[in-house]
Amino acid sequence: MKNIFLSLISCVFFLFSLESFAQGETFLADRHAQKGVNCVACHAETPPQQAVPTEKCQSCHGDFEAMKEKTKNLSPNPHYTHMGDQPCGECHNAHKPSVNMCGQCHKINMNVK
């Protein structure tokens, strides 16, 4: 029964992703789904009820130092800031547009995915 429920939830989120993709919107969850990463890979509970903790993001994408290294050629480097290490969810949203947090105070145009 639990597997059926998990499959149903995955299908609902997949269909939601397809709808937003068809409308020209792609969110972080859409890009994860396109790569075969389903909801339960990130969310601890089904159905998802809480934001994914930074530690879960880091288990696949690397820690803060690894992210700073991956984005070192961007100017400015969005992962190396005067704000220090910030939770991933400060900028990256899974089911809605991500946010250019730097642009709230600075005239910095970043395409945050």
PDB file of N, CA and C in Angstrom:
ATOM      1  N   MET A   1       0.831  -1.201   0.000  1.00  0.00           N
ATOM      2  CA  MET A   1       0.000   0.000   0.000  1.00  0.00           C
ATOM      3  C   MET A   1       0.871   1.258   0.000  1.00  0.00           C
ATOM      4  N   LYS A   2       1.944   1.218   0.806  1.00  0.00           N
ATOM      5  CA  LYS A   2       2.830   2.376   0.886  1.00  0.00           C
ATOM      6  C   LYS A   2       3.463   2.655  -0.483  1.00  0.00           C
ATOM      7  N   ASN A   3       3.873   1.591  -1.203  1.00  0.00           N
ATOM      8  CA  ASN A   3       4.488   1.777  -2.520  1.00  0.00           C
ATOM      9  C   ASN A   3       3.502   2.381  -3.515  1.00  0.00           C
ATOM     10  N   ILE A   4       2.251   1.975  -3.435  1.00  0.00           N
ATOM     11  CA  ILE A   4       1.230   2.546  -4.316  1.00  0.00           C
ATOM     12  C   ILE A   4       1.060   4.027  -4.030  1.00  0.00           C
ATOM     13  N   PHE A   5       1.035   4.379  -2.745  1.00  0.00           N
ATOM     14  CA  PHE A   5       0.884   5.775  -2.349  1.00  0.00           C
ATOM     15  C   PHE A   5       2.083   6.592  -2.833  1.00  0.00           C
ATOM     16  N   LEU A   6       3.294   6.054  -2.655  1.00  0.00           N
ATOM     17  CA  LEU A   6       4.496   6.764  -3.109  1.00  0.00           C
ATOM     18  C   LEU A   6       4.470   6.959  -4.616  1.00  0.00           C
ATOM     19  N   SER A   7       4.036   5.943  -5.341  1.00  0.00           N
ATOM     20  CA  SER A   7       3.942   6.057  -6.796  1.00  0.00           C
ATOM     21  C   SER A   7       2.930   7.118  -7.195  1.00  0.00           C
ATOM     22  N   LEU A   8       1.807   7.145  -6.512  1.00  0.00           N
ATOM     23  CA  LEU A   8       0.772   8.139  -6.807  1.00  0.00           C
ATOM     24  C   LEU A   8       1.293   9.547  -6.567  1.00  0.00           C
ATOM     25  N   ILE A   9       1.951   9.746  -5.443  1.00  0.00           N
ATOM     26  CA  ILE A   9       2.515  11.068  -5.131  1.00  0.00           C
ATOM     27  C   ILE A   9       3.552  11.450  -6.181  1.00  0.00           C
ATOM     28  N   SER A  10       4.411  10.520  -6.560  1.00  0.00           N
ATOM     29  CA  SER A  10       5.427  10.808  -7.576  1.00  0.00           C
ATOM     30  C   SER A  10       4.774  11.202  -8.897  1.00  0.00           C
ATOM     31  N   CYS A  11       3.702  10.511  -9.267  1.00  0.00           N
ATOM     32  CA  CYS A  11       2.993  10.827 -10.511  1.00  0.00           C
ATOM     33  C   CYS A  11       2.384  12.226 -10.464  1.00  0.00           C
ATOM     34  N   VAL A  12       1.807  12.583  -9.331  1.00  0.00           N
ATOM     35  CA  VAL A  12       1.203  13.909  -9.192  1.00  0.00           C
ATOM     36  C   VAL A  12       2.255  14.990  -9.369  1.00  0.00           C
ATOM     37  N   PHE A  13       3.392  14.838  -8.701  1.00  0.00           N
ATOM     38  CA  PHE A  13       4.449  15.830  -8.829  1.00  0.00           C
ATOM     39  C   PHE A  13       5.043  15.825 -10.232  1.00  0.00           C
ATOM     40  N   PHE A  14       5.147  14.650 -10.855  1.00  0.00           N
ATOM     41  CA  PHE A  14       5.649  14.575 -12.217  1.00  0.00           C
ATOM     42  C   PHE A  14       4.713  15.308 -13.179  1.00  0.00           C
ATOM     43  N   LEU A  15       3.411  15.093 -13.022  1.00  0.00           N
ATOM     44  CA  LEU A  15       2.443  15.778 -13.875  1.00  0.00           C
ATOM     45  C   LEU A  15       2.485  17.280 -13.657  1.00  0.00           C
ATOM     46  N   PHE A  16       2.645  17.712 -12.406  1.00  0.00           N
ATOM     47  CA  PHE A  16       2.790  19.134 -12.102  1.00  0.00           C
ATOM     48  C   PHE A  16       4.020  19.687 -12.823  1.00  0.00           C
ATOM     49  N   SER A  17       5.106  18.916 -12.809  1.00  0.00           N
ATOM     50  CA  SER A  17       6.331  19.332 -13.474  1.00  0.00           C
ATOM     51  C   SER A  17       6.119  19.446 -14.974  1.00  0.00           C
ATOM     52  N   LEU A  18       5.404  18.473 -15.569  1.00  0.00           N
ATOM     53  CA  LEU A  18       5.128  18.532 -17.002  1.00  0.00           C
ATOM     54  C   LEU A  18       4.305  19.756 -17.363  1.00  0.00           C
ATOM     55  N   GLU A  19       3.326  20.080 -16.523  1.00  0.00           N
ATOM     56  CA  GLU A  19       2.481  21.243 -16.795  1.00  0.00           C
ATOM     57  C   GLU A  19       3.302  22.518 -16.771  1.00  0.00           C
ATOM     58  N   SER A  20       4.149  22.685 -15.770  1.00  0.00           N
ATOM     59  CA  SER A  20       4.968  23.897 -15.705  1.00  0.00           C
ATOM     60  C   SER A  20       5.985  23.923 -16.845  1.00  0.00           C
ATOM     61  N   PHE A  21       6.514  22.744 -17.235  1.00  0.00           N
ATOM     62  CA  PHE A  21       7.452  22.675 -18.343  1.00  0.00           C
ATOM     63  C   PHE A  21       6.763  23.091 -19.644  1.00  0.00           C
ATOM     64  N   ALA A  22       5.518  22.634 -19.838  1.00  0.00           N
ATOM     65  CA  ALA A  22       4.752  22.974 -21.042  1.00  0.00           C
ATOM     66  C   ALA A  22       4.477  24.469 -21.114  1.00  0.00           C
ATOM     67  N   GLN A  23       4.393  25.118 -19.965  1.00  0.00           N
ATOM     68  CA  GLN A  23       4.139  26.554 -19.926  1.00  0.00           C
ATOM     69  C   GLN A  23       5.436  27.361 -20.025  1.00  0.00           C
ATOM     70  N   GLY A  24       6.553  26.672 -20.250  1.00  0.00           N
ATOM     71  CA  GLY A  24       7.827  27.355 -20.388  1.00  0.00           C
ATOM     72  C   GLY A  24       8.527  27.597 -19.059  1.00  0.00           C
ATOM     73  N   GLU A  25       7.955  27.149 -17.974  1.00  0.00           N
ATOM     74  CA  GLU A  25       8.568  27.309 -16.660  1.00  0.00           C
ATOM     75  C   GLU A  25       9.294  26.024 -16.310  1.00  0.00           C
ATOM     76  N   THR A  26      10.490  26.137 -15.826  1.00  0.00           N
ATOM     77  CA  THR A  26      11.151  24.973 -15.256  1.00  0.00           C
ATOM     78  C   THR A  26      11.705  25.377 -13.909  1.00  0.00           C
ATOM     79  N   PHE A  27      11.315  24.630 -12.933  1.00  0.00           N
ATOM     80  CA  PHE A  27      11.782  24.869 -11.574  1.00  0.00           C
ATOM     81  C   PHE A  27      12.830  23.824 -11.226  1.00  0.00           C
ATOM     82  N   LEU A  28      13.446  24.002 -10.105  1.00  0.00           N
ATOM     83  CA  LEU A  28      14.473  23.076  -9.644  1.00  0.00           C
ATOM     84  C   LEU A  28      13.925  21.650  -9.564  1.00  0.00           C
ATOM     85  N   ALA A  29      12.721  21.478  -9.073  1.00  0.00           N
ATOM     86  CA  ALA A  29      12.118  20.143  -8.989  1.00  0.00           C
ATOM     87  C   ALA A  29      11.922  19.546 -10.375  1.00  0.00           C
ATOM     88  N   ASP A  30      11.588  20.389 -11.363  1.00  0.00           N
ATOM     89  CA  ASP A  30      11.432  19.916 -12.739  1.00  0.00           C
ATOM     90  C   ASP A  30      12.752  19.376 -13.276  1.00  0.00           C
ATOM     91  N   ARG A  31      13.814  20.129 -13.049  1.00  0.00           N
ATOM     92  CA  ARG A  31      15.120  19.706 -13.548  1.00  0.00           C
ATOM     93  C   ARG A  31      15.581  18.430 -12.847  1.00  0.00           C
ATOM     94  N   HIS A  32      15.270  18.300 -11.557  1.00  0.00           N
ATOM     95  CA  HIS A  32      15.589  17.053 -10.859  1.00  0.00           C
ATOM     96  C   HIS A  32      14.796  15.897 -11.473  1.00  0.00           C
ATOM     97  N   ALA A  33      13.502  16.100 -11.711  1.00  0.00           N
ATOM     98  CA  ALA A  33      12.645  15.052 -12.273  1.00  0.00           C
ATOM     99  C   ALA A  33      13.130  14.639 -13.662  1.00  0.00           C
ATOM    100  N   GLN A  34      13.562  15.608 -14.465  1.00  0.00           N
ATOM    101  CA  GLN A  34      14.059  15.304 -15.811  1.00  0.00           C
ATOM    102  C   GLN A  34      15.305  14.425 -15.765  1.00  0.00           C
ATOM    103  N   LYS A  35      16.031  14.498 -14.649  1.00  0.00           N
ATOM    104  CA  LYS A  35      17.235  13.673 -14.483  1.00  0.00           C
ATOM    105  C   LYS A  35      16.943  12.384 -13.727  1.00  0.00           C
ATOM    106  N   GLY A  36      15.649  12.115 -13.482  1.00  0.00           N
ATOM    107  CA  GLY A  36      15.260  10.873 -12.827  1.00  0.00           C
ATOM    108  C   GLY A  36      15.312  10.907 -11.312  1.00  0.00           C
ATOM    109  N   VAL A  37      15.463  12.092 -10.734  1.00  0.00           N
ATOM    110  CA  VAL A  37      15.495  12.232  -9.275  1.00  0.00           C
ATOM    111  C   VAL A  37      14.075  12.541  -8.815  1.00  0.00           C
ATOM    112  N   ASN A  38      13.461  11.590  -8.104  1.00  0.00           N
ATOM    113  CA  ASN A  38      12.074  11.798  -7.675  1.00  0.00           C
ATOM    114  C   ASN A  38      11.992  12.457  -6.305  1.00  0.00           C
ATOM    115  N   CYS A  39      10.799  12.760  -5.878  1.00  0.00           N
ATOM    116  CA  CYS A  39      10.556  13.520  -4.645  1.00  0.00           C
ATOM    117  C   CYS A  39      11.197  12.887  -3.406  1.00  0.00           C
ATOM    118  N   VAL A  40      11.066  11.565  -3.287  1.00  0.00           N
ATOM    119  CA  VAL A  40      11.565  10.895  -2.078  1.00  0.00           C
ATOM    120  C   VAL A  40      13.085  10.896  -2.006  1.00  0.00           C
ATOM    121  N   ALA A  41      13.762  11.229  -3.100  1.00  0.00           N
ATOM    122  CA  ALA A  41      15.222  11.333  -3.054  1.00  0.00           C
ATOM    123  C   ALA A  41      15.655  12.526  -2.202  1.00  0.00           C
ATOM    124  N   CYS A  42      14.805  13.547  -2.117  1.00  0.00           N
ATOM    125  CA  CYS A  42      15.141  14.757  -1.366  1.00  0.00           C
ATOM    126  C   CYS A  42      14.291  14.921  -0.102  1.00  0.00           C
ATOM    127  N   HIS A  43      13.005  14.630  -0.228  1.00  0.00           N
ATOM    128  CA  HIS A  43      12.091  14.807   0.900  1.00  0.00           C
ATOM    129  C   HIS A  43      12.080  13.573   1.790  1.00  0.00           C
ATOM    130  N   ALA A  44      12.105  13.799   3.098  1.00  0.00           N
ATOM    131  CA  ALA A  44      12.113  12.697   4.059  1.00  0.00           C
ATOM    132  C   ALA A  44      10.716  12.129   4.284  1.00  0.00           C
ATOM    133  N   GLU A  45       9.681  12.926   4.041  1.00  0.00           N
ATOM    134  CA  GLU A  45       8.315  12.487   4.326  1.00  0.00           C
ATOM    135  C   GLU A  45       7.484  12.472   3.046  1.00  0.00           C
ATOM    136  N   THR A  46       6.493  11.594   3.030  1.00  0.00           N
ATOM    137  CA  THR A  46       5.586  11.480   1.897  1.00  0.00           C
ATOM    138  C   THR A  46       4.171  11.562   2.407  1.00  0.00           C
ATOM    139  N   PRO A  47       3.383  12.495   1.915  1.00  0.00           N
ATOM    140  CA  PRO A  47       3.758  13.500   0.923  1.00  0.00           C
ATOM    141  C   PRO A  47       4.669  14.556   1.538  1.00  0.00           C
ATOM    142  N   PRO A  48       5.466  15.229   0.707  1.00  0.00           N
ATOM    143  CA  PRO A  48       6.378  16.256   1.222  1.00  0.00           C
ATOM    144  C   PRO A  48       5.624  17.355   1.967  1.00  0.00           C
ATOM    145  N   GLN A  49       6.164  17.714   3.130  1.00  0.00           N
ATOM    146  CA  GLN A  49       5.525  18.746   3.942  1.00  0.00           C
ATOM    147  C   GLN A  49       6.500  19.823   4.379  1.00  0.00           C
ATOM    148  N   GLN A  50       7.785  19.561   4.240  1.00  0.00           N
ATOM    149  CA  GLN A  50       8.787  20.517   4.702  1.00  0.00           C
ATOM    150  C   GLN A  50       9.809  20.773   3.607  1.00  0.00           C
ATOM    151  N   ALA A  51      10.469  21.899   3.733  1.00  0.00           N
ATOM    152  CA  ALA A  51      11.551  22.223   2.798  1.00  0.00           C
ATOM    153  C   ALA A  51      12.698  21.237   3.001  1.00  0.00           C
ATOM    154  N   VAL A  52      13.435  21.011   1.960  1.00  0.00           N
ATOM    155  CA  VAL A  52      14.576  20.109   2.021  1.00  0.00           C
ATOM    156  C   VAL A  52      15.717  20.818   2.754  1.00  0.00           C
ATOM    157  N   PRO A  53      16.306  20.173   3.750  1.00  0.00           N
ATOM    158  CA  PRO A  53      17.408  20.807   4.477  1.00  0.00           C
ATOM    159  C   PRO A  53      18.680  20.880   3.623  1.00  0.00           C
ATOM    160  N   THR A  54      19.489  21.872   3.881  1.00  0.00           N
ATOM    161  CA  THR A  54      20.741  22.081   3.154  1.00  0.00           C
ATOM    162  C   THR A  54      21.606  20.827   3.158  1.00  0.00           C
ATOM    163  N   GLU A  55      21.635  20.120   4.251  1.00  0.00           N
ATOM    164  CA  GLU A  55      22.462  18.921   4.347  1.00  0.00           C
ATOM    165  C   GLU A  55      22.075  17.897   3.275  1.00  0.00           C
ATOM    166  N   LYS A  56      20.795  17.824   2.954  1.00  0.00           N
ATOM    167  CA  LYS A  56      20.338  16.887   1.922  1.00  0.00           C
ATOM    168  C   LYS A  56      20.835  17.346   0.555  1.00  0.00           C
ATOM    169  N   CYS A  57      20.761  18.644   0.284  1.00  0.00           N
ATOM    170  CA  CYS A  57      21.292  19.178  -0.979  1.00  0.00           C
ATOM    171  C   CYS A  57      22.786  18.847  -1.099  1.00  0.00           C
ATOM    172  N   GLN A  58      23.498  19.044  -0.004  1.00  0.00           N
ATOM    173  CA  GLN A  58      24.938  18.838  -0.004  1.00  0.00           C
ATOM    174  C   GLN A  58      25.323  17.374  -0.177  1.00  0.00           C
ATOM    175  N   SER A  59      24.422  16.461   0.159  1.00  0.00           N
ATOM    176  CA  SER A  59      24.757  15.040   0.002  1.00  0.00           C
ATOM    177  C   SER A  59      24.945  14.678  -1.475  1.00  0.00           C
ATOM    178  N   CYS A  60      24.359  15.440  -2.382  1.00  0.00           N
ATOM    179  CA  CYS A  60      24.546  15.213  -3.824  1.00  0.00           C
ATOM    180  C   CYS A  60      25.447  16.260  -4.466  1.00  0.00           C
ATOM    181  N   HIS A  61      25.278  17.514  -4.071  1.00  0.00           N
ATOM    182  CA  HIS A  61      25.955  18.620  -4.755  1.00  0.00           C
ATOM    183  C   HIS A  61      27.267  19.039  -4.115  1.00  0.00           C
ATOM    184  N   GLY A  62      27.569  18.535  -2.931  1.00  0.00           N
ATOM    185  CA  GLY A  62      28.809  18.895  -2.248  1.00  0.00           C
ATOM    186  C   GLY A  62      28.581  19.965  -1.205  1.00  0.00           C
ATOM    187  N   ASP A  63      29.557  20.121  -0.318  1.00  0.00           N
ATOM    188  CA  ASP A  63      29.435  21.091   0.771  1.00  0.00           C
ATOM    189  C   ASP A  63      29.658  22.513   0.249  1.00  0.00           C
ATOM    190  N   PHE A  64      29.661  23.469   1.167  1.00  0.00           N
ATOM    191  CA  PHE A  64      29.798  24.877   0.772  1.00  0.00           C
ATOM    192  C   PHE A  64      31.093  25.119  -0.002  1.00  0.00           C
ATOM    193  N   GLU A  65      32.188  24.516   0.443  1.00  0.00           N
ATOM    194  CA  GLU A  65      33.470  24.711  -0.241  1.00  0.00           C
ATOM    195  C   GLU A  65      33.429  24.150  -1.658  1.00  0.00           C
ATOM    196  N   ALA A  66      32.782  23.010  -1.838  1.00  0.00           N
ATOM    197  CA  ALA A  66      32.660  22.416  -3.177  1.00  0.00           C
ATOM    198  C   ALA A  66      31.825  23.308  -4.090  1.00  0.00           C
ATOM    199  N   MET A  67      30.756  23.888  -3.562  1.00  0.00           N
ATOM    200  CA  MET A  67      29.915  24.771  -4.380  1.00  0.00           C
ATOM    201  C   MET A  67      30.655  26.055  -4.743  1.00  0.00           C
ATOM    202  N   LYS A  68      31.440  26.579  -3.820  1.00  0.00           N
ATOM    203  CA  LYS A  68      32.248  27.767  -4.127  1.00  0.00           C
ATOM    204  C   LYS A  68      33.216  27.467  -5.270  1.00  0.00           C
ATOM    205  N   GLU A  69      33.797  26.282  -5.235  1.00  0.00           N
ATOM    206  CA  GLU A  69      34.731  25.869  -6.280  1.00  0.00           C
ATOM    207  C   GLU A  69      34.011  25.689  -7.622  1.00  0.00           C
ATOM    208  N   LYS A  70      32.828  25.068  -7.604  1.00  0.00           N
ATOM    209  CA  LYS A  70      32.077  24.834  -8.845  1.00  0.00           C
ATOM    210  C   LYS A  70      31.663  26.132  -9.526  1.00  0.00           C
ATOM    211  N   THR A  71      31.433  27.182  -8.742  1.00  0.00           N
ATOM    212  CA  THR A  71      30.963  28.453  -9.306  1.00  0.00           C
ATOM    213  C   THR A  71      32.041  29.539  -9.279  1.00  0.00           C
ATOM    214  N   LYS A  72      33.300  29.140  -9.162  1.00  0.00           N
ATOM    215  CA  LYS A  72      34.398  30.115  -9.035  1.00  0.00           C
ATOM    216  C   LYS A  72      34.573  31.001 -10.257  1.00  0.00           C
ATOM    217  N   ASN A  73      34.145  30.547 -11.427  1.00  0.00           N
ATOM    218  CA  ASN A  73      34.313  31.349 -12.647  1.00  0.00           C
ATOM    219  C   ASN A  73      33.176  32.331 -12.878  1.00  0.00           C
ATOM    220  N   LEU A  74      32.160  32.312 -12.022  1.00  0.00           N
ATOM    221  CA  LEU A  74      31.081  33.295 -12.123  1.00  0.00           C
ATOM    222  C   LEU A  74      31.519  34.569 -11.412  1.00  0.00           C
ATOM    223  N   SER A  75      31.107  35.690 -11.946  1.00  0.00           N
ATOM    224  CA  SER A  75      31.476  36.960 -11.331  1.00  0.00           C
ATOM    225  C   SER A  75      30.227  37.787 -11.080  1.00  0.00           C
ATOM    226  N   PRO A  76      29.906  37.997  -9.819  1.00  0.00           N
ATOM    227  CA  PRO A  76      30.549  37.471  -8.618  1.00  0.00           C
ATOM    228  C   PRO A  76      30.165  36.016  -8.378  1.00  0.00           C
ATOM    229  N   ASN A  77      30.966  35.352  -7.579  1.00  0.00           N
ATOM    230  CA  ASN A  77      30.697  33.960  -7.222  1.00  0.00           C
ATOM    231  C   ASN A  77      29.545  33.955  -6.221  1.00  0.00           C
ATOM    232  N   PRO A  78      28.385  33.406  -6.601  1.00  0.00           N
ATOM    233  CA  PRO A  78      27.214  33.473  -5.720  1.00  0.00           C
ATOM    234  C   PRO A  78      27.347  32.643  -4.445  1.00  0.00           C
ATOM    235  N   HIS A  79      28.303  31.720  -4.422  1.00  0.00           N
ATOM    236  CA  HIS A  79      28.458  30.881  -3.230  1.00  0.00           C
ATOM    237  C   HIS A  79      29.600  31.365  -2.329  1.00  0.00           C
ATOM    238  N   TYR A  80      30.250  32.443  -2.722  1.00  0.00           N
ATOM    239  CA  TYR A  80      31.319  33.020  -1.910  1.00  0.00           C
ATOM    240  C   TYR A  80      30.956  34.478  -1.678  1.00  0.00           C
ATOM    241  N   THR A  81      30.280  34.745  -0.574  1.00  0.00           N
ATOM    242  CA  THR A  81      29.736  36.082  -0.346  1.00  0.00           C
ATOM    243  C   THR A  81      30.078  36.603   1.040  1.00  0.00           C
ATOM    244  N   HIS A  82      29.840  37.869   1.221  1.00  0.00           N
ATOM    245  CA  HIS A  82      30.038  38.484   2.535  1.00  0.00           C
ATOM    246  C   HIS A  82      28.986  38.023   3.542  1.00  0.00           C
ATOM    247  N   MET A  83      27.945  37.353   3.058  1.00  0.00           N
ATOM    248  CA  MET A  83      26.896  36.832   3.944  1.00  0.00           C
ATOM    249  C   MET A  83      27.298  35.494   4.564  1.00  0.00           C
ATOM    250  N   GLY A  84      28.405  34.936   4.121  1.00  0.00           N
ATOM    251  CA  GLY A  84      28.833  33.638   4.627  1.00  0.00           C
ATOM    252  C   GLY A  84      28.023  32.518   3.993  1.00  0.00           C
ATOM    253  N   ASP A  85      28.171  31.350   4.543  1.00  0.00           N
ATOM    254  CA  ASP A  85      27.456  30.187   4.011  1.00  0.00           C
ATOM    255  C   ASP A  85      25.980  30.279   4.381  1.00  0.00           C
ATOM    256  N   GLN A  86      25.145  30.299   3.361  1.00  0.00           N
ATOM    257  CA  GLN A  86      23.695  30.428   3.536  1.00  0.00           C
ATOM    258  C   GLN A  86      23.016  29.102   3.203  1.00  0.00           C
ATOM    259  N   PRO A  87      21.877  28.810   3.827  1.00  0.00           N
ATOM    260  CA  PRO A  87      21.126  27.608   3.443  1.00  0.00           C
ATOM    261  C   PRO A  87      20.766  27.674   1.960  1.00  0.00           C
ATOM    262  N   CYS A  88      20.798  26.543   1.287  1.00  0.00           N
ATOM    263  CA  CYS A  88      20.511  26.496  -0.150  1.00  0.00           C
ATOM    264  C   CYS A  88      19.156  27.124  -0.476  1.00  0.00           C
ATOM    265  N   GLY A  89      18.178  26.893   0.411  1.00  0.00           N
ATOM    266  CA  GLY A  89      16.826  27.392   0.191  1.00  0.00           C
ATOM    267  C   GLY A  89      16.680  28.896   0.253  1.00  0.00           C
ATOM    268  N   GLU A  90      17.712  29.611   0.635  1.00  0.00           N
ATOM    269  CA  GLU A  90      17.652  31.073   0.621  1.00  0.00           C
ATOM    270  C   GLU A  90      17.533  31.598  -0.802  1.00  0.00           C
ATOM    271  N   CYS A  91      18.151  30.887  -1.734  1.00  0.00           N
ATOM    272  CA  CYS A  91      18.120  31.297  -3.140  1.00  0.00           C
ATOM    273  C   CYS A  91      17.385  30.286  -4.022  1.00  0.00           C
ATOM    274  N   HIS A  92      17.627  29.012  -3.774  1.00  0.00           N
ATOM    275  CA  HIS A  92      17.106  27.951  -4.636  1.00  0.00           C
ATOM    276  C   HIS A  92      15.770  27.436  -4.112  1.00  0.00           C
ATOM    277  N   ASN A  93      14.734  27.548  -4.944  1.00  0.00           N
ATOM    278  CA  ASN A  93      13.405  27.029  -4.617  1.00  0.00           C
ATOM    279  C   ASN A  93      13.085  25.888  -5.561  1.00  0.00           C
ATOM    280  N   ALA A  94      12.465  24.856  -5.050  1.00  0.00           N
ATOM    281  CA  ALA A  94      12.193  23.677  -5.872  1.00  0.00           C
ATOM    282  C   ALA A  94      10.920  23.794  -6.695  1.00  0.00           C
ATOM    283  N   HIS A  95       9.884  24.402  -6.127  1.00  0.00           N
ATOM    284  CA  HIS A  95       8.573  24.386  -6.779  1.00  0.00           C
ATOM    285  C   HIS A  95       8.054  25.768  -7.157  1.00  0.00           C
ATOM    286  N   LYS A  96       8.918  26.745  -7.111  1.00  0.00           N
ATOM    287  CA  LYS A  96       8.583  28.095  -7.542  1.00  0.00           C
ATOM    288  C   LYS A  96       9.885  28.746  -8.004  1.00  0.00           C
ATOM    289  N   PRO A  97       9.829  29.897  -8.639  1.00  0.00           N
ATOM    290  CA  PRO A  97      11.069  30.508  -9.130  1.00  0.00           C
ATOM    291  C   PRO A  97      12.078  30.742  -8.006  1.00  0.00           C
ATOM    292  N   SER A  98      13.341  30.496  -8.316  1.00  0.00           N
ATOM    293  CA  SER A  98      14.407  30.769  -7.364  1.00  0.00           C
ATOM    294  C   SER A  98      14.627  32.269  -7.258  1.00  0.00           C
ATOM    295  N   VAL A  99      15.421  32.687  -6.278  1.00  0.00           N
ATOM    296  CA  VAL A  99      15.539  34.098  -5.934  1.00  0.00           C
ATOM    297  C   VAL A  99      16.994  34.560  -6.011  1.00  0.00           C
ATOM    298  N   ASN A 100      17.208  35.693  -6.639  1.00  0.00           N
ATOM    299  CA  ASN A 100      18.517  36.334  -6.654  1.00  0.00           C
ATOM    300  C   ASN A 100      18.630  37.164  -5.375  1.00  0.00           C
ATOM    301  N   MET A 101      19.068  36.525  -4.306  1.00  0.00           N
ATOM    302  CA  MET A 101      19.143  37.219  -3.014  1.00  0.00           C
ATOM    303  C   MET A 101      20.124  38.384  -3.061  1.00  0.00           C
ATOM    304  N   CYS A 102      21.221  38.239  -3.786  1.00  0.00           N
ATOM    305  CA  CYS A 102      22.199  39.328  -3.877  1.00  0.00           C
ATOM    306  C   CYS A 102      21.573  40.577  -4.490  1.00  0.00           C
ATOM    307  N   GLY A 103      20.673  40.357  -5.467  1.00  0.00           N
ATOM    308  CA  GLY A 103      20.030  41.456  -6.167  1.00  0.00           C
ATOM    309  C   GLY A 103      19.065  42.254  -5.315  1.00  0.00           C
ATOM    310  N   GLN A 104      18.756  41.785  -4.133  1.00  0.00           N
ATOM    311  CA  GLN A 104      17.869  42.543  -3.262  1.00  0.00           C
ATOM    312  C   GLN A 104      18.563  43.775  -2.677  1.00  0.00           C
ATOM    313  N   CYS A 105      19.891  43.707  -2.567  1.00  0.00           N
ATOM    314  CA  CYS A 105      20.644  44.854  -2.044  1.00  0.00           C
ATOM    315  C   CYS A 105      21.609  45.432  -3.078  1.00  0.00           C
ATOM    316  N   HIS A 106      22.097  44.590  -3.963  1.00  0.00           N
ATOM    317  CA  HIS A 106      23.110  44.999  -4.931  1.00  0.00           C
ATOM    318  C   HIS A 106      22.521  44.995  -6.338  1.00  0.00           C
ATOM    319  N   LYS A 107      23.141  45.752  -7.235  1.00  0.00           N
ATOM    320  CA  LYS A 107      22.731  45.729  -8.635  1.00  0.00           C
ATOM    321  C   LYS A 107      23.496  44.601  -9.328  1.00  0.00           C
ATOM    322  N   ILE A 108      23.080  43.368  -8.979  1.00  0.00           N
ATOM    323  CA  ILE A 108      23.691  42.173  -9.535  1.00  0.00           C
ATOM    324  C   ILE A 108      22.586  41.362 -10.186  1.00  0.00           C
ATOM    325  N   ASN A 109      22.768  41.078 -11.457  1.00  0.00           N
ATOM    326  CA  ASN A 109      21.777  40.289 -12.178  1.00  0.00           C
ATOM    327  C   ASN A 109      22.310  38.864 -12.295  1.00  0.00           C
ATOM    328  N   MET A 110      21.685  37.942 -11.571  1.00  0.00           N
ATOM    329  CA  MET A 110      22.088  36.526 -11.626  1.00  0.00           C
ATOM    330  C   MET A 110      20.902  35.690 -12.022  1.00  0.00           C
ATOM    331  N   ASN A 111      21.156  34.699 -12.845  1.00  0.00           N
ATOM    332  CA  ASN A 111      20.147  33.730 -13.222  1.00  0.00           C
ATOM    333  C   ASN A 111      20.238  32.571 -12.226  1.00  0.00           C
ATOM    334  N   VAL A 112      19.425  32.615 -11.210  1.00  0.00           N
ATOM    335  CA  VAL A 112      19.464  31.605 -10.155  1.00  0.00           C
ATOM    336  C   VAL A 112      18.576  30.447 -10.563  1.00  0.00           C
ATOM    337  N   LYS A 113      19.127  29.259 -10.582  1.00  0.00           N
ATOM    338  CA  LYS A 113      18.374  28.074 -10.977  1.00  0.00           C
ATOM    339  C   LYS A 113      18.034  27.242  -9.766  1.00  0.00           C
TER     340      LYS A 113
END
